[in-house]
Protein backbone atom coordinates (compact mmCIF):
# COMPACT_ATOMS: atom_id res chain seq x y z
CA MET A 1 -80.62 97.80 14.60
CA LYS A 2 -80.77 94.06 15.26
CA HIS A 3 -82.53 93.07 18.44
CA VAL A 4 -80.46 90.56 20.49
CA THR A 5 -82.65 88.21 22.48
CA PRO A 6 -81.34 86.22 25.45
CA GLN A 7 -81.49 83.11 23.26
CA ASN A 8 -79.37 84.73 20.56
CA GLN A 9 -76.97 86.03 23.16
CA LYS A 10 -76.61 82.54 24.59
CA GLN A 11 -75.92 81.11 21.14
CA SER A 12 -73.30 83.76 20.35
CA SER A 13 -71.42 82.92 23.52
CA GLN A 14 -70.88 79.32 22.45
CA PRO A 15 -67.30 78.43 21.41
CA LEU A 16 -66.74 78.47 17.66
CA THR A 17 -64.24 76.17 15.94
CA LYS A 18 -62.99 77.26 12.55
CA ILE A 19 -61.22 74.71 10.34
CA ARG A 20 -58.61 76.37 8.18
CA PRO A 21 -55.76 74.87 6.10
CA SER A 22 -52.57 74.99 8.11
CA SER A 23 -49.20 76.10 6.88
CA LEU A 24 -47.05 73.41 5.30
CA TRP A 25 -44.10 74.63 7.32
CA GLN A 26 -45.92 73.62 10.49
CA ALA A 27 -45.16 69.92 10.13
CA ILE A 28 -47.06 68.66 13.20
CA ASN A 29 -49.55 70.48 15.39
CA PHE A 30 -48.78 68.59 18.60
CA ARG A 31 -51.47 70.42 20.58
CA GLU A 32 -54.17 69.38 18.11
CA ILE A 33 -52.98 65.78 17.99
CA TRP A 34 -52.96 65.65 21.81
CA LYS A 35 -56.63 66.69 21.79
CA PHE A 36 -57.36 63.63 19.65
CA ARG A 37 -55.34 61.20 21.79
CA ASP A 38 -58.51 59.28 22.67
CA LEU A 39 -59.18 58.71 18.98
CA ILE A 40 -55.66 57.34 18.52
CA LEU A 41 -56.24 54.81 21.31
CA ILE A 42 -59.68 53.86 19.97
CA LEU A 43 -58.35 53.26 16.44
CA ALA A 44 -55.40 51.26 17.77
CA GLY A 45 -57.70 49.10 19.89
CA ARG A 46 -60.01 48.56 16.91
CA ASP A 47 -57.11 47.39 14.72
CA ILE A 48 -55.97 44.92 17.37
CA LYS A 49 -59.48 43.50 17.82
CA LEU A 50 -60.11 43.19 14.08
CA ARG A 51 -56.82 41.40 13.55
CA TYR A 52 -57.54 38.61 16.01
CA ARG A 53 -61.30 38.39 15.62
CA GLN A 54 -62.30 34.84 14.61
CA ALA A 55 -58.62 33.82 14.57
CA ALA A 56 -58.34 30.32 16.02
CA MET A 57 -54.78 30.83 17.23
CA GLY A 58 -55.24 34.44 18.34
CA VAL A 59 -52.09 36.21 19.50
CA ALA A 60 -50.00 33.12 18.66
CA TRP A 61 -49.72 34.47 15.12
CA VAL A 62 -47.60 37.33 16.47
CA VAL A 63 -45.04 34.79 17.68
CA LEU A 64 -45.31 32.39 14.75
CA GLN A 65 -44.41 34.96 12.09
CA PRO A 66 -40.86 35.70 13.32
CA LEU A 67 -40.42 32.12 14.56
CA VAL A 68 -41.16 30.56 11.18
CA GLY A 69 -39.19 33.20 9.30
CA ALA A 70 -36.18 32.81 11.58
CA ALA A 71 -36.30 29.01 11.31
CA ILE A 72 -36.42 29.08 7.49
CA PHE A 73 -33.57 31.56 7.12
CA ALA A 74 -31.52 29.81 9.80
CA PHE A 75 -31.84 26.57 7.82
CA LEU A 76 -30.95 28.24 4.51
CA SER A 77 -27.98 30.11 5.97
CA GLU A 78 -26.69 26.93 7.61
CA VAL A 79 -27.17 24.49 4.73
CA ILE A 80 -26.80 26.68 1.63
CA ALA A 81 -25.16 30.02 2.39
CA LYS A 82 -23.12 28.86 5.41
CA THR A 83 -22.91 32.43 6.72
CA PRO A 84 -21.20 33.16 10.05
CA THR A 85 -23.17 34.31 13.09
CA ASP A 86 -20.43 36.07 15.07
CA GLY A 87 -20.39 33.48 17.83
CA THR A 88 -24.16 33.50 18.39
CA PRO A 89 -26.52 30.48 17.99
CA ARG A 90 -27.82 30.67 14.45
CA PHE A 91 -31.51 30.56 15.25
CA LEU A 92 -31.12 33.22 17.95
CA PHE A 93 -29.17 35.41 15.51
CA THR A 94 -31.89 35.27 12.86
CA PHE A 95 -34.77 35.55 15.35
CA THR A 96 -33.30 38.77 16.76
CA GLY A 97 -33.20 40.23 13.28
CA PHE A 98 -36.72 39.09 12.50
CA ILE A 99 -38.43 40.69 15.48
CA ALA A 100 -36.83 44.02 14.54
CA TRP A 101 -37.65 43.53 10.87
CA THR A 102 -41.26 42.59 11.64
CA ALA A 103 -41.72 45.82 13.60
CA PHE A 104 -40.32 47.84 10.67
CA SER A 105 -42.25 46.08 7.89
CA SER A 106 -45.53 45.97 9.84
CA THR A 107 -45.34 49.70 10.54
CA LEU A 108 -44.57 50.50 6.92
CA THR A 109 -47.39 48.28 5.61
CA LYS A 110 -50.03 49.56 8.02
CA VAL A 111 -49.14 53.23 7.68
CA SER A 112 -49.16 53.03 3.87
CA SER A 113 -52.70 51.61 3.82
CA CYS A 114 -54.24 53.51 6.76
CA LEU A 115 -55.96 56.15 4.59
CA LEU A 116 -57.58 53.70 2.19
CA GLN A 117 -58.75 51.45 5.01
CA ASN A 118 -60.35 54.43 6.76
CA SER A 119 -61.70 56.20 3.67
CA ASN A 120 -65.14 56.72 5.25
CA LEU A 121 -63.63 58.59 8.18
CA VAL A 122 -61.36 60.68 5.98
CA SER A 123 -64.16 61.82 3.67
CA LYS A 124 -66.80 62.53 6.33
CA VAL A 125 -65.21 63.52 9.64
CA TYR A 126 -62.60 66.13 10.48
CA PHE A 127 -59.59 65.12 12.57
CA PRO A 128 -55.83 65.49 12.10
CA ARG A 129 -55.02 62.93 9.42
CA LEU A 130 -51.75 62.08 11.17
CA VAL A 131 -53.90 60.38 13.82
CA LEU A 132 -54.41 57.41 11.49
CA PRO A 133 -50.72 56.50 10.93
CA LEU A 134 -49.87 57.19 14.57
CA SER A 135 -52.56 54.78 15.76
CA THR A 136 -51.01 51.93 13.78
CA VAL A 137 -47.69 52.25 15.65
CA ILE A 138 -49.36 51.29 18.95
CA SER A 139 -50.52 47.91 17.65
CA VAL A 140 -47.07 47.25 16.19
CA LEU A 141 -45.46 47.96 19.56
CA LEU A 142 -47.77 45.44 21.22
CA ASP A 143 -46.69 42.76 18.74
CA PHE A 144 -43.05 43.68 19.29
CA ILE A 145 -43.35 43.29 23.07
CA VAL A 146 -44.74 39.78 22.60
CA GLY A 147 -41.88 38.84 20.26
CA LEU A 148 -39.29 40.37 22.58
CA THR A 149 -40.62 38.30 25.49
CA VAL A 150 -40.05 35.15 23.43
CA MET A 151 -36.58 36.43 22.58
CA PHE A 152 -35.70 36.76 26.28
CA ALA A 153 -36.91 33.18 26.82
CA PHE A 154 -34.56 31.94 24.09
CA MET A 155 -31.67 33.91 25.59
CA LEU A 156 -32.36 32.28 28.94
CA PHE A 157 -32.36 28.86 27.28
CA TRP A 158 -28.97 29.50 25.64
CA LYS A 159 -27.68 31.14 28.84
CA ILE A 160 -26.96 34.50 27.20
CA GLY A 161 -27.25 37.32 29.70
CA LEU A 162 -28.25 40.91 29.11
CA THR A 163 -25.69 43.69 29.32
CA ILE A 164 -25.90 47.44 29.67
CA ASN A 165 -26.21 47.56 25.87
CA VAL A 166 -29.89 46.67 26.20
CA LEU A 167 -30.60 50.20 27.45
CA LEU A 168 -30.04 51.48 23.90
CA MET A 169 -32.39 48.97 22.30
CA PRO A 170 -35.45 51.29 22.50
CA VAL A 171 -33.45 53.96 20.66
CA TRP A 172 -32.72 51.67 17.69
CA LEU A 173 -36.31 50.43 17.65
CA LEU A 174 -37.63 54.00 17.67
CA LEU A 175 -35.37 55.00 14.78
CA MET A 176 -36.53 52.01 12.72
CA LEU A 177 -40.17 52.86 13.42
CA LEU A 178 -39.58 56.51 12.49
CA MET A 179 -38.01 55.44 9.20
CA ALA A 180 -40.94 53.13 8.48
CA LEU A 181 -43.35 55.93 9.44
CA GLY A 182 -41.65 58.37 7.07
CA VAL A 183 -41.70 56.00 4.09
CA GLY A 184 -45.23 54.90 4.99
CA LEU A 185 -46.50 58.50 5.01
CA ILE A 186 -45.15 59.02 1.51
CA ALA A 187 -46.72 55.76 0.34
CA ALA A 188 -50.03 56.62 2.06
CA GLY A 189 -50.21 60.00 0.35
CA LEU A 190 -49.43 58.49 -3.04
CA SER A 191 -51.83 55.56 -2.64
CA VAL A 192 -54.82 57.91 -2.35
CA GLN A 193 -54.27 59.07 -5.91
CA TYR A 194 -52.32 56.12 -7.34
CA ARG A 195 -53.71 52.77 -6.17
CA ASP A 196 -50.78 50.95 -7.79
CA VAL A 197 -48.71 51.80 -4.72
CA GLN A 198 -50.52 49.18 -2.63
CA TYR A 199 -49.41 46.50 -5.10
CA VAL A 200 -45.83 47.68 -5.61
CA LEU A 201 -44.97 48.26 -1.95
CA PRO A 202 -45.25 44.62 -0.74
CA VAL A 203 -42.86 43.55 -3.49
CA MET A 204 -40.35 46.22 -2.47
CA ILE A 205 -40.64 45.21 1.21
CA GLN A 206 -39.99 41.57 0.32
CA PHE A 207 -36.95 42.57 -1.74
CA LEU A 208 -35.64 44.69 1.14
CA LEU A 209 -35.94 41.69 3.46
CA PHE A 210 -33.52 39.63 1.40
CA ILE A 211 -30.89 42.34 1.03
CA SER A 212 -31.02 43.52 4.66
CA PRO A 213 -28.88 41.89 7.39
CA VAL A 214 -31.85 40.16 8.99
CA TRP A 215 -30.30 36.72 8.56
CA TYR A 216 -26.63 37.45 7.81
CA PRO A 217 -23.96 39.60 9.54
CA ARG A 218 -21.56 42.16 8.16
CA SER A 219 -18.74 39.60 8.39
CA ALA A 220 -20.49 37.47 5.76
CA MET A 221 -19.67 40.03 3.06
CA PRO A 222 -16.19 40.63 1.62
CA GLU A 223 -14.66 43.84 2.91
CA LYS A 224 -14.66 45.42 -0.55
CA TYR A 225 -18.47 45.24 -0.57
CA HIS A 226 -18.99 46.75 2.88
CA PHE A 227 -19.92 50.08 1.29
CA LEU A 228 -22.93 48.37 -0.29
CA TYR A 229 -23.80 46.88 3.08
CA ASN A 230 -23.63 50.31 4.73
CA PHE A 231 -25.64 51.92 1.92
CA ASN A 232 -28.74 50.05 3.07
CA PRO A 233 -30.26 52.42 5.68
CA LEU A 234 -31.53 49.47 7.72
CA SER A 235 -28.11 47.82 8.10
CA GLY A 236 -26.78 50.07 10.84
CA LEU A 237 -30.00 50.00 12.88
CA LEU A 238 -30.43 46.22 12.59
CA ASP A 239 -26.82 45.68 13.64
CA ALA A 240 -27.26 48.07 16.57
CA PHE A 241 -30.49 46.36 17.65
CA ARG A 242 -28.82 42.95 17.55
CA TRP A 243 -25.76 44.30 19.39
CA SER A 244 -28.02 45.56 22.19
CA LEU A 245 -29.28 42.03 22.85
CA LEU A 246 -26.31 39.93 21.74
CA PRO A 247 -23.11 41.66 22.89
CA SER A 248 -20.87 39.27 20.92
CA VAL A 249 -22.10 40.85 17.67
CA PRO A 250 -19.76 43.65 16.45
CA ILE A 251 -21.09 47.07 15.46
CA ASP A 252 -19.94 49.79 13.05
CA TRP A 253 -20.83 53.13 14.64
CA GLY A 254 -20.33 55.00 11.37
CA SER A 255 -23.06 52.93 9.78
CA VAL A 256 -25.30 53.48 12.82
CA VAL A 257 -24.91 57.27 12.63
CA TYR A 258 -25.62 57.23 8.90
CA SER A 259 -28.79 55.15 9.39
CA SER A 260 -29.94 57.31 12.31
CA VAL A 261 -29.56 60.59 10.43
CA LEU A 262 -31.24 59.14 7.36
CA SER A 263 -34.10 57.84 9.48
CA LEU A 264 -34.85 61.32 10.85
CA GLY A 265 -34.48 62.84 7.39
CA VAL A 266 -36.94 60.36 5.86
CA LEU A 267 -39.41 61.09 8.66
CA LEU A 268 -39.30 64.85 8.02
CA ILE A 269 -39.71 64.35 4.27
CA GLY A 270 -42.58 61.95 4.86
CA ILE A 271 -44.42 64.35 7.16
CA TYR A 272 -43.97 67.29 4.78
CA PHE A 273 -45.18 65.22 1.81
CA PHE A 274 -48.15 63.90 3.77
CA ARG A 275 -49.17 67.39 4.87
CA SER A 276 -48.85 68.73 1.31
CA MET A 277 -51.24 66.03 0.05
CA GLU A 278 -53.58 66.22 3.05
CA ARG A 279 -55.84 68.93 1.65
CA ARG A 280 -56.90 66.70 -1.25
CA PHE A 281 -57.47 63.44 0.65
CA ALA A 282 -61.20 63.92 1.24
CA ASP A 283 -61.83 64.89 -2.42
CA VAL A 284 -59.78 62.14 -4.07
CA ILE A 285 -60.19 59.16 -1.75
């Protein structure tokens, strides 16, 4: 019979944490992620600090990116394409699209590379791997708030007032971020094993920029090609986002519903794929 000393008894009373592989059908363990909420905030703060460390212009880069992009596309659409803007100042029309697009593309880019950039953490420390992609969304939201503030300043300059439509703007933004998160999770899982993904994805994002209605409206396309316009899952959400800020812009609710449903579907697929690959991250990365 084993003699139990007070020291052994004290040790046996300590809480024991067992790490076991979870079921794939349990997409997200919200309780576990909530326990690591401090880690999410720490990683998000680290990303923000690293981005602007030794940057001469600091946070100004957050504003310059959509400003320069909107100015270039406004010039091209005015001089070359001569696309309509549905009664909205051209620069304001393109800038609205760019702040939404920047939030989408930044989320997709950061989520897709979060595992490779934190390979030391993944291979040495246990934590829910979904913490890494979730932490990137916080820094994207901070950039978006800065761009949206500039957008409100431009609307004040052009004397365009807000309407009740603006209350739905967070919904469209959330759906775009969820779509970017879903695609990014798939890309992140693949990039651990296939490093080519980090080279292919930027090209695909750039291509998507040109075919998405960031700088042109639905009315710019002949009616017989509207089905191609609606096929792009970003079209409905970008139109809805612009409609929330610029009420003169028309909206096709059928396209919005299609984009919204597809956004949620892509998110679920992305989470399931990420969780199915999660068990091999530490061994492969």
